Amino acid sequence: MSQVSVLMGSDSDFVIMSKAVDILKQFDVTYEVAVASAHRTPDLVAELVRSAPERGVSVFIAGAGMAAALPGVVAAYTTLPVIGVPLSGSALQGTDALYAIVQMPPGIPVATVGIDAATNAGLLAVQLLALSNTDLAERLVAYRRNMATGVLEKSRAIQEKST
């Protein structure tokens, strides 16, 4: 059973989308990964999304570049949360994908992270799952605490170098 379904339109997208997978692994969240194009394999997208509850999926992360239809198509087939990751692999450096994902029509929401921000997509998926999992919520607090400690250590190091 997979809690998160990580979808992307092309295998070349995995370079970025693997960052979401890394976060899911770090938090011991079960996941599945698939390449499914909204334009080239729409029937596969529909099947993966419609059958997701049977596989235990609670959250989708969908990465796409250029026209970036995948996150919106996923959202059209489910009421589960969908996190869209606009990818930069185009002449417009991902702004086209960002606009396509963030401008969903009313009633079909897609939570959108920054361009190539698959790490934040993974963290957002973990946060959504943590709403009903106190252990996961505690690990998120520890993750944030560790980030803060790292910043403080870097600050001290810079201060020492500058005096």
N, C-alpha and C. Protein backbone atom coordinates (compact mmCIF):
# COMPACT_ATOMS: atom_id res chain seq x y z
N MET A 1 0.84 -1.19 0.00
CA MET A 1 0.00 0.00 0.00
C MET A 1 0.88 1.25 0.00
N SER A 2 0.55 2.18 -0.86
CA SER A 2 1.31 3.42 -0.98
C SER A 2 0.47 4.59 -0.51
N GLN A 3 1.02 5.43 0.35
CA GLN A 3 0.29 6.60 0.85
C GLN A 3 0.33 7.76 -0.14
N VAL A 4 1.41 7.86 -0.91
CA VAL A 4 1.58 8.96 -1.84
C VAL A 4 1.87 8.40 -3.23
N SER A 5 1.20 8.96 -4.22
CA SER A 5 1.46 8.60 -5.61
C SER A 5 2.21 9.76 -6.26
N VAL A 6 3.42 9.48 -6.72
CA VAL A 6 4.25 10.49 -7.38
C VAL A 6 4.19 10.23 -8.88
N LEU A 7 3.58 11.16 -9.59
CA LEU A 7 3.40 11.00 -11.03
C LEU A 7 4.18 12.07 -11.78
N MET A 8 4.64 11.71 -12.97
CA MET A 8 5.32 12.67 -13.82
C MET A 8 5.04 12.32 -15.27
N GLY A 9 5.10 13.34 -16.12
CA GLY A 9 4.75 13.14 -17.52
C GLY A 9 5.82 12.48 -18.35
N SER A 10 7.06 12.48 -17.88
CA SER A 10 8.18 11.93 -18.65
C SER A 10 9.22 11.38 -17.69
N ASP A 11 9.96 10.38 -18.15
CA ASP A 11 11.01 9.83 -17.30
C ASP A 11 12.11 10.86 -17.02
N SER A 12 12.30 11.82 -17.90
CA SER A 12 13.31 12.86 -17.66
C SER A 12 12.93 13.76 -16.48
N ASP A 13 11.67 13.77 -16.10
CA ASP A 13 11.21 14.57 -14.96
C ASP A 13 11.69 13.99 -13.62
N PHE A 14 12.12 12.73 -13.64
CA PHE A 14 12.50 12.09 -12.38
C PHE A 14 13.73 12.74 -11.74
N VAL A 15 14.56 13.39 -12.53
CA VAL A 15 15.72 14.09 -11.97
C VAL A 15 15.26 15.06 -10.88
N ILE A 16 14.18 15.78 -11.14
CA ILE A 16 13.62 16.71 -10.15
C ILE A 16 12.69 15.99 -9.18
N MET A 17 11.80 15.17 -9.69
CA MET A 17 10.79 14.53 -8.85
C MET A 17 11.38 13.57 -7.83
N SER A 18 12.60 13.09 -8.08
CA SER A 18 13.25 12.21 -7.10
C SER A 18 13.48 12.92 -5.77
N LYS A 19 13.51 14.24 -5.78
CA LYS A 19 13.67 14.99 -4.53
C LYS A 19 12.45 14.82 -3.63
N ALA A 20 11.27 14.71 -4.21
CA ALA A 20 10.06 14.41 -3.42
C ALA A 20 10.15 13.00 -2.85
N VAL A 21 10.60 12.08 -3.68
CA VAL A 21 10.77 10.69 -3.24
C VAL A 21 11.76 10.62 -2.08
N ASP A 22 12.85 11.37 -2.17
CA ASP A 22 13.84 11.38 -1.09
C ASP A 22 13.22 11.81 0.24
N ILE A 23 12.37 12.82 0.19
CA ILE A 23 11.69 13.29 1.42
C ILE A 23 10.76 12.21 1.94
N LEU A 24 9.99 11.59 1.06
CA LEU A 24 9.07 10.53 1.49
C LEU A 24 9.84 9.39 2.15
N LYS A 25 10.98 9.03 1.56
CA LYS A 25 11.83 7.99 2.17
C LYS A 25 12.31 8.43 3.55
N GLN A 26 12.75 9.67 3.65
CA GLN A 26 13.29 10.19 4.92
C GLN A 26 12.26 10.08 6.05
N PHE A 27 10.98 10.25 5.70
CA PHE A 27 9.92 10.19 6.70
C PHE A 27 9.23 8.82 6.75
N ASP A 28 9.78 7.84 6.06
CA ASP A 28 9.22 6.48 6.02
C ASP A 28 7.77 6.46 5.54
N VAL A 29 7.47 7.31 4.57
CA VAL A 29 6.14 7.35 3.96
C VAL A 29 6.17 6.44 2.74
N THR A 30 5.19 5.56 2.64
CA THR A 30 5.15 4.66 1.49
C THR A 30 4.68 5.43 0.26
N TYR A 31 5.20 5.03 -0.89
CA TYR A 31 4.90 5.77 -2.12
C TYR A 31 5.00 4.85 -3.32
N GLU A 32 4.45 5.34 -4.40
CA GLU A 32 4.60 4.70 -5.70
C GLU A 32 5.03 5.79 -6.68
N VAL A 33 5.70 5.40 -7.74
CA VAL A 33 6.16 6.34 -8.75
C VAL A 33 5.73 5.81 -10.11
N ALA A 34 5.23 6.71 -10.96
CA ALA A 34 4.84 6.30 -12.31
C ALA A 34 5.03 7.45 -13.29
N VAL A 35 5.33 7.08 -14.52
CA VAL A 35 5.33 8.03 -15.63
C VAL A 35 4.00 7.85 -16.34
N ALA A 36 3.25 8.93 -16.42
CA ALA A 36 1.94 8.90 -17.07
C ALA A 36 1.67 10.29 -17.64
N SER A 37 1.57 10.37 -18.92
CA SER A 37 1.40 11.67 -19.59
C SER A 37 -0.07 12.01 -19.78
N ALA A 38 -0.44 13.21 -19.38
CA ALA A 38 -1.82 13.66 -19.58
C ALA A 38 -2.17 13.74 -21.06
N HIS A 39 -1.17 13.98 -21.90
CA HIS A 39 -1.40 14.12 -23.33
C HIS A 39 -1.20 12.83 -24.11
N ARG A 40 -0.19 12.04 -23.74
CA ARG A 40 0.14 10.84 -24.50
C ARG A 40 -0.52 9.58 -23.97
N THR A 41 -0.78 9.53 -22.67
CA THR A 41 -1.41 8.34 -22.08
C THR A 41 -2.53 8.75 -21.12
N PRO A 42 -3.53 9.47 -21.62
CA PRO A 42 -4.60 9.95 -20.72
C PRO A 42 -5.38 8.82 -20.06
N ASP A 43 -5.56 7.71 -20.75
CA ASP A 43 -6.28 6.59 -20.15
C ASP A 43 -5.51 6.00 -18.97
N LEU A 44 -4.19 5.95 -19.09
CA LEU A 44 -3.37 5.46 -17.98
C LEU A 44 -3.48 6.40 -16.78
N VAL A 45 -3.44 7.70 -17.03
CA VAL A 45 -3.59 8.66 -15.93
C VAL A 45 -4.92 8.43 -15.22
N ALA A 46 -5.99 8.33 -15.99
CA ALA A 46 -7.31 8.12 -15.40
C ALA A 46 -7.35 6.84 -14.57
N GLU A 47 -6.78 5.77 -15.09
CA GLU A 47 -6.79 4.49 -14.37
C GLU A 47 -5.97 4.58 -13.08
N LEU A 48 -4.79 5.17 -13.16
CA LEU A 48 -3.95 5.30 -11.96
C LEU A 48 -4.66 6.11 -10.87
N VAL A 49 -5.32 7.17 -11.27
CA VAL A 49 -5.98 8.04 -10.29
C VAL A 49 -7.23 7.38 -9.74
N ARG A 50 -8.05 6.84 -10.60
CA ARG A 50 -9.31 6.22 -10.14
C ARG A 50 -9.08 5.02 -9.24
N SER A 51 -8.01 4.28 -9.48
CA SER A 51 -7.74 3.08 -8.67
C SER A 51 -6.87 3.37 -7.45
N ALA A 52 -6.46 4.60 -7.27
CA ALA A 52 -5.55 4.97 -6.18
C ALA A 52 -6.07 4.60 -4.78
N PRO A 53 -7.34 4.87 -4.47
CA PRO A 53 -7.81 4.50 -3.12
C PRO A 53 -7.63 3.01 -2.80
N GLU A 54 -7.78 2.16 -3.81
CA GLU A 54 -7.59 0.72 -3.60
C GLU A 54 -6.14 0.40 -3.23
N ARG A 55 -5.22 1.26 -3.64
CA ARG A 55 -3.80 1.06 -3.34
C ARG A 55 -3.37 1.81 -2.08
N GLY A 56 -4.32 2.46 -1.41
CA GLY A 56 -4.02 3.17 -0.17
C GLY A 56 -3.53 4.59 -0.34
N VAL A 57 -3.58 5.11 -1.55
CA VAL A 57 -3.08 6.45 -1.82
C VAL A 57 -3.98 7.49 -1.17
N SER A 58 -3.36 8.45 -0.48
CA SER A 58 -4.08 9.56 0.15
C SER A 58 -3.74 10.91 -0.46
N VAL A 59 -2.57 11.00 -1.11
CA VAL A 59 -2.09 12.26 -1.66
C VAL A 59 -1.38 11.98 -2.98
N PHE A 60 -1.56 12.89 -3.94
CA PHE A 60 -0.83 12.83 -5.21
C PHE A 60 0.18 13.96 -5.28
N ILE A 61 1.34 13.66 -5.83
CA ILE A 61 2.30 14.69 -6.24
C ILE A 61 2.46 14.49 -7.74
N ALA A 62 2.17 15.53 -8.51
CA ALA A 62 2.25 15.42 -9.97
C ALA A 62 3.17 16.50 -10.52
N GLY A 63 4.23 16.08 -11.18
CA GLY A 63 5.17 17.02 -11.77
C GLY A 63 5.01 17.07 -13.27
N ALA A 64 5.04 18.29 -13.81
CA ALA A 64 4.89 18.46 -15.25
C ALA A 64 5.52 19.77 -15.70
N GLY A 65 6.00 19.76 -16.93
CA GLY A 65 6.56 20.96 -17.53
C GLY A 65 5.71 21.41 -18.69
N MET A 66 6.11 22.50 -19.32
CA MET A 66 5.46 23.10 -20.48
C MET A 66 3.97 23.31 -20.24
N ALA A 67 3.10 22.64 -20.98
CA ALA A 67 1.65 22.83 -20.82
C ALA A 67 1.16 22.34 -19.46
N ALA A 68 1.90 21.43 -18.86
CA ALA A 68 1.70 20.99 -17.47
C ALA A 68 0.26 20.62 -17.14
N ALA A 69 -0.34 19.81 -17.98
CA ALA A 69 -1.73 19.41 -17.75
C ALA A 69 -1.88 18.33 -16.69
N LEU A 70 -0.83 17.58 -16.42
CA LEU A 70 -0.95 16.40 -15.55
C LEU A 70 -1.56 16.69 -14.18
N PRO A 71 -1.09 17.67 -13.41
CA PRO A 71 -1.70 17.89 -12.10
C PRO A 71 -3.19 18.20 -12.18
N GLY A 72 -3.59 19.00 -13.14
CA GLY A 72 -5.01 19.33 -13.29
C GLY A 72 -5.85 18.14 -13.70
N VAL A 73 -5.32 17.31 -14.57
CA VAL A 73 -6.05 16.11 -14.99
C VAL A 73 -6.18 15.16 -13.81
N VAL A 74 -5.12 15.01 -13.03
CA VAL A 74 -5.20 14.17 -11.83
C VAL A 74 -6.30 14.70 -10.92
N ALA A 75 -6.31 16.01 -10.68
CA ALA A 75 -7.32 16.62 -9.80
C ALA A 75 -8.73 16.44 -10.34
N ALA A 76 -8.87 16.39 -11.66
CA ALA A 76 -10.20 16.21 -12.25
C ALA A 76 -10.78 14.83 -11.94
N TYR A 77 -9.91 13.85 -11.70
CA TYR A 77 -10.36 12.49 -11.47
C TYR A 77 -10.45 12.10 -9.99
N THR A 78 -10.11 13.01 -9.07
CA THR A 78 -10.10 12.63 -7.65
C THR A 78 -10.46 13.81 -6.76
N THR A 79 -10.91 13.49 -5.56
CA THR A 79 -11.09 14.51 -4.53
C THR A 79 -9.95 14.45 -3.51
N LEU A 80 -9.00 13.56 -3.71
CA LEU A 80 -7.82 13.52 -2.85
C LEU A 80 -6.94 14.73 -3.14
N PRO A 81 -6.12 15.15 -2.18
CA PRO A 81 -5.24 16.30 -2.43
C PRO A 81 -4.24 16.02 -3.55
N VAL A 82 -4.04 17.03 -4.39
CA VAL A 82 -3.07 16.96 -5.48
C VAL A 82 -2.10 18.12 -5.32
N ILE A 83 -0.82 17.79 -5.31
CA ILE A 83 0.24 18.80 -5.23
C ILE A 83 0.92 18.84 -6.59
N GLY A 84 0.90 20.01 -7.22
CA GLY A 84 1.52 20.16 -8.53
C GLY A 84 2.92 20.73 -8.42
N VAL A 85 3.84 20.15 -9.18
CA VAL A 85 5.22 20.64 -9.23
C VAL A 85 5.49 21.11 -10.66
N PRO A 86 5.55 22.42 -10.89
CA PRO A 86 5.91 22.91 -12.22
C PRO A 86 7.40 22.66 -12.47
N LEU A 87 7.70 22.11 -13.63
CA LEU A 87 9.08 21.75 -13.96
C LEU A 87 9.67 22.71 -14.99
N SER A 88 10.95 22.96 -14.87
CA SER A 88 11.60 24.01 -15.65
C SER A 88 12.12 23.59 -17.02
N GLY A 89 11.90 22.40 -17.44
CA GLY A 89 12.50 21.90 -18.67
C GLY A 89 11.90 22.44 -19.95
N SER A 90 11.75 23.75 -20.06
CA SER A 90 11.20 24.34 -21.29
C SER A 90 11.90 25.66 -21.58
N ALA A 91 11.61 26.21 -22.75
CA ALA A 91 12.20 27.49 -23.14
C ALA A 91 11.81 28.61 -22.18
N LEU A 92 10.69 28.47 -21.51
CA LEU A 92 10.22 29.50 -20.58
C LEU A 92 10.65 29.23 -19.14
N GLN A 93 11.56 28.28 -18.95
CA GLN A 93 12.15 27.99 -17.63
C GLN A 93 11.12 27.63 -16.55
N GLY A 94 9.99 27.07 -16.95
CA GLY A 94 9.00 26.61 -16.00
C GLY A 94 7.89 27.59 -15.68
N THR A 95 7.99 28.83 -16.18
CA THR A 95 6.90 29.78 -15.89
C THR A 95 5.62 29.34 -16.58
N ASP A 96 5.74 28.75 -17.77
CA ASP A 96 4.56 28.24 -18.46
C ASP A 96 3.89 27.15 -17.62
N ALA A 97 4.69 26.25 -17.07
CA ALA A 97 4.15 25.17 -16.23
C ALA A 97 3.55 25.72 -14.94
N LEU A 98 4.22 26.70 -14.35
CA LEU A 98 3.70 27.30 -13.12
C LEU A 98 2.33 27.91 -13.35
N TYR A 99 2.20 28.70 -14.40
CA TYR A 99 0.90 29.32 -14.70
C TYR A 99 -0.16 28.27 -15.00
N ALA A 100 0.20 27.23 -15.73
CA ALA A 100 -0.77 26.19 -16.07
C ALA A 100 -1.28 25.47 -14.82
N ILE A 101 -0.39 25.22 -13.87
CA ILE A 101 -0.78 24.47 -12.68
C ILE A 101 -1.51 25.34 -11.67
N VAL A 102 -1.05 26.56 -11.49
CA VAL A 102 -1.63 27.40 -10.44
C VAL A 102 -2.99 27.97 -10.84
N GLN A 103 -3.29 28.06 -12.12
CA GLN A 103 -4.54 28.68 -12.58
C GLN A 103 -5.62 27.64 -12.86
N MET A 104 -5.95 26.86 -11.86
CA MET A 104 -7.01 25.85 -12.01
C MET A 104 -8.38 26.51 -11.86
N PRO A 105 -9.38 25.96 -12.55
CA PRO A 105 -10.72 26.53 -12.42
C PRO A 105 -11.30 26.26 -11.04
N PRO A 106 -12.22 27.11 -10.60
CA PRO A 106 -12.85 26.91 -9.29
C PRO A 106 -13.45 25.50 -9.17
N GLY A 107 -13.22 24.89 -8.04
CA GLY A 107 -13.79 23.57 -7.77
C GLY A 107 -12.84 22.42 -8.03
N ILE A 108 -11.72 22.68 -8.71
CA ILE A 108 -10.74 21.62 -9.00
C ILE A 108 -9.37 22.13 -8.53
N PRO A 109 -9.14 22.17 -7.21
CA PRO A 109 -7.89 22.75 -6.72
C PRO A 109 -6.68 21.85 -6.91
N VAL A 110 -5.55 22.49 -7.14
CA VAL A 110 -4.25 21.84 -7.12
C VAL A 110 -3.34 22.72 -6.27
N ALA A 111 -2.81 22.18 -5.19
CA ALA A 111 -1.82 22.91 -4.39
C ALA A 111 -0.55 22.96 -5.22
N THR A 112 0.02 24.14 -5.36
CA THR A 112 1.17 24.31 -6.25
C THR A 112 2.38 24.80 -5.47
N VAL A 113 3.50 24.12 -5.67
CA VAL A 113 4.76 24.57 -5.07
C VAL A 113 5.56 25.32 -6.14
N GLY A 114 6.72 25.81 -5.79
CA GLY A 114 7.53 26.57 -6.73
C GLY A 114 8.09 25.71 -7.85
N ILE A 115 8.66 26.38 -8.83
CA ILE A 115 9.25 25.70 -9.98
C ILE A 115 10.38 24.78 -9.50
N ASP A 116 10.31 23.52 -9.89
CA ASP A 116 11.27 22.48 -9.52
C ASP A 116 11.34 22.22 -8.01
N ALA A 117 10.35 22.64 -7.26
CA ALA A 117 10.37 22.52 -5.80
C ALA A 117 9.77 21.19 -5.33
N ALA A 118 10.31 20.10 -5.85
CA ALA A 118 9.81 18.77 -5.48
C ALA A 118 10.06 18.46 -4.01
N THR A 119 11.12 19.00 -3.43
CA THR A 119 11.36 18.80 -2.00
C THR A 119 10.18 19.33 -1.20
N ASN A 120 9.74 20.55 -1.52
CA ASN A 120 8.58 21.11 -0.80
C ASN A 120 7.32 20.32 -1.08
N ALA A 121 7.18 19.77 -2.27
CA ALA A 121 6.01 18.92 -2.56
C ALA A 121 6.02 17.69 -1.66
N GLY A 122 7.17 17.08 -1.50
CA GLY A 122 7.28 15.94 -0.60
C GLY A 122 6.95 16.31 0.83
N LEU A 123 7.47 17.45 1.27
CA LEU A 123 7.18 17.91 2.64
C LEU A 123 5.70 18.24 2.82
N LEU A 124 5.09 18.85 1.83
CA LEU A 124 3.66 19.15 1.92
C LEU A 124 2.84 17.86 2.00
N ALA A 125 3.22 16.86 1.24
CA ALA A 125 2.53 15.56 1.32
C ALA A 125 2.67 14.97 2.72
N VAL A 126 3.86 15.05 3.28
CA VAL A 126 4.08 14.56 4.64
C VAL A 126 3.22 15.34 5.63
N GLN A 127 3.15 16.65 5.47
CA GLN A 127 2.32 17.46 6.37
C GLN A 127 0.85 17.06 6.28
N LEU A 128 0.37 16.80 5.08
CA LEU A 128 -1.02 16.37 4.93
C LEU A 128 -1.26 15.04 5.63
N LEU A 129 -0.34 14.11 5.47
CA LEU A 129 -0.48 12.82 6.13
C LEU A 129 -0.36 12.96 7.65
N ALA A 130 0.44 13.91 8.10
CA ALA A 130 0.65 14.12 9.54
C ALA A 130 -0.59 14.65 10.25
N LEU A 131 -1.56 15.14 9.50
CA LEU A 131 -2.81 15.59 10.12
C LEU A 131 -3.50 14.47 10.89
N SER A 132 -3.29 13.25 10.45
CA SER A 132 -3.92 12.11 11.12
C SER A 132 -2.89 11.10 11.63
N ASN A 133 -1.64 11.54 11.79
CA ASN A 133 -0.58 10.64 12.24
C ASN A 133 0.36 11.42 13.17
N THR A 134 0.19 11.23 14.48
CA THR A 134 0.96 12.02 15.44
C THR A 134 2.46 11.72 15.37
N ASP A 135 2.83 10.49 15.08
CA ASP A 135 4.25 10.15 14.95
C ASP A 135 4.88 10.95 13.81
N LEU A 136 4.20 11.00 12.70
CA LEU A 136 4.69 11.77 11.55
C LEU A 136 4.76 13.25 11.89
N ALA A 137 3.76 13.75 12.60
CA ALA A 137 3.76 15.16 13.01
C ALA A 137 4.96 15.47 13.90
N GLU A 138 5.27 14.57 14.82
CA GLU A 138 6.43 14.77 15.70
C GLU A 138 7.73 14.76 14.91
N ARG A 139 7.82 13.89 13.90
CA ARG A 139 9.03 13.85 13.07
C ARG A 139 9.18 15.11 12.23
N LEU A 140 8.06 15.70 11.83
CA LEU A 140 8.12 16.98 11.11
C LEU A 140 8.65 18.09 12.02
N VAL A 141 8.20 18.10 13.26
CA VAL A 141 8.70 19.09 14.22
C VAL A 141 10.21 18.92 14.39
N ALA A 142 10.67 17.69 14.52
CA ALA A 142 12.10 17.43 14.67
C ALA A 142 12.87 17.85 13.42
N TYR A 143 12.31 17.62 12.26
CA TYR A 143 12.93 18.03 10.99
C TYR A 143 13.13 19.54 10.97
N ARG A 144 12.08 20.27 11.35
CA ARG A 144 12.17 21.74 11.38
C ARG A 144 13.19 22.20 12.43
N ARG A 145 13.20 21.53 13.56
CA ARG A 145 14.15 21.88 14.62
C ARG A 145 15.58 21.69 14.11
N ASN A 146 15.83 20.59 13.42
CA ASN A 146 17.16 20.33 12.86
C ASN A 146 17.54 21.38 11.82
N MET A 147 16.57 21.82 11.01
CA MET A 147 16.85 22.88 10.05
C MET A 147 17.27 24.15 10.77
N ALA A 148 16.55 24.51 11.81
CA ALA A 148 16.86 25.72 12.57
C ALA A 148 18.25 25.62 13.21
N THR A 149 18.57 24.46 13.75
CA THR A 149 19.89 24.26 14.35
C THR A 149 20.98 24.45 13.31
N GLY A 150 20.76 23.94 12.12
CA GLY A 150 21.73 24.11 11.04
C GLY A 150 21.96 25.57 10.67
N VAL A 151 20.90 26.34 10.64
CA VAL A 151 21.02 27.77 10.33
C VAL A 151 21.80 28.48 11.43
N LEU A 152 21.50 28.16 12.68
CA LEU A 152 22.21 28.79 13.80
C LEU A 152 23.71 28.45 13.77
N GLU A 153 24.03 27.21 13.45
CA GLU A 153 25.44 26.81 13.35
C GLU A 153 26.14 27.57 12.24
N LYS A 154 25.49 27.73 11.10
CA LYS A 154 26.08 28.48 9.99
C LYS A 154 26.25 29.95 10.36
N SER A 155 25.30 30.49 11.08
CA SER A 155 25.38 31.88 11.51
C SER A 155 26.58 32.08 12.43
N ARG A 156 26.76 31.17 13.38
CA ARG A 156 27.90 31.27 14.30
C ARG A 156 29.22 31.18 13.52
N ALA A 157 29.28 30.27 12.57
CA ALA A 157 30.51 30.11 11.77
C ALA A 157 30.83 31.38 10.99
N ILE A 158 29.82 32.00 10.41
CA ILE A 158 30.02 33.25 9.66
C ILE A 158 30.46 34.36 10.60
N GLN A 159 29.84 34.42 11.77
CA GLN A 159 30.20 35.46 12.74
C GLN A 159 31.66 35.31 13.18
N GLU A 160 32.08 34.06 13.39
CA GLU A 160 33.47 33.82 13.80
C GLU A 160 34.45 34.22 12.70
N LYS A 161 34.10 33.95 11.46
CA LYS A 161 34.98 34.30 10.33
C LYS A 161 35.07 35.81 10.14
N SER A 162 34.03 36.51 10.48
CA SER A 162 33.99 37.95 10.21
C SER A 162 34.56 38.80 11.34
N THR A 163 34.95 38.18 12.46
CA THR A 163 35.51 38.97 13.56
C THR A 163 37.00 38.76 13.70
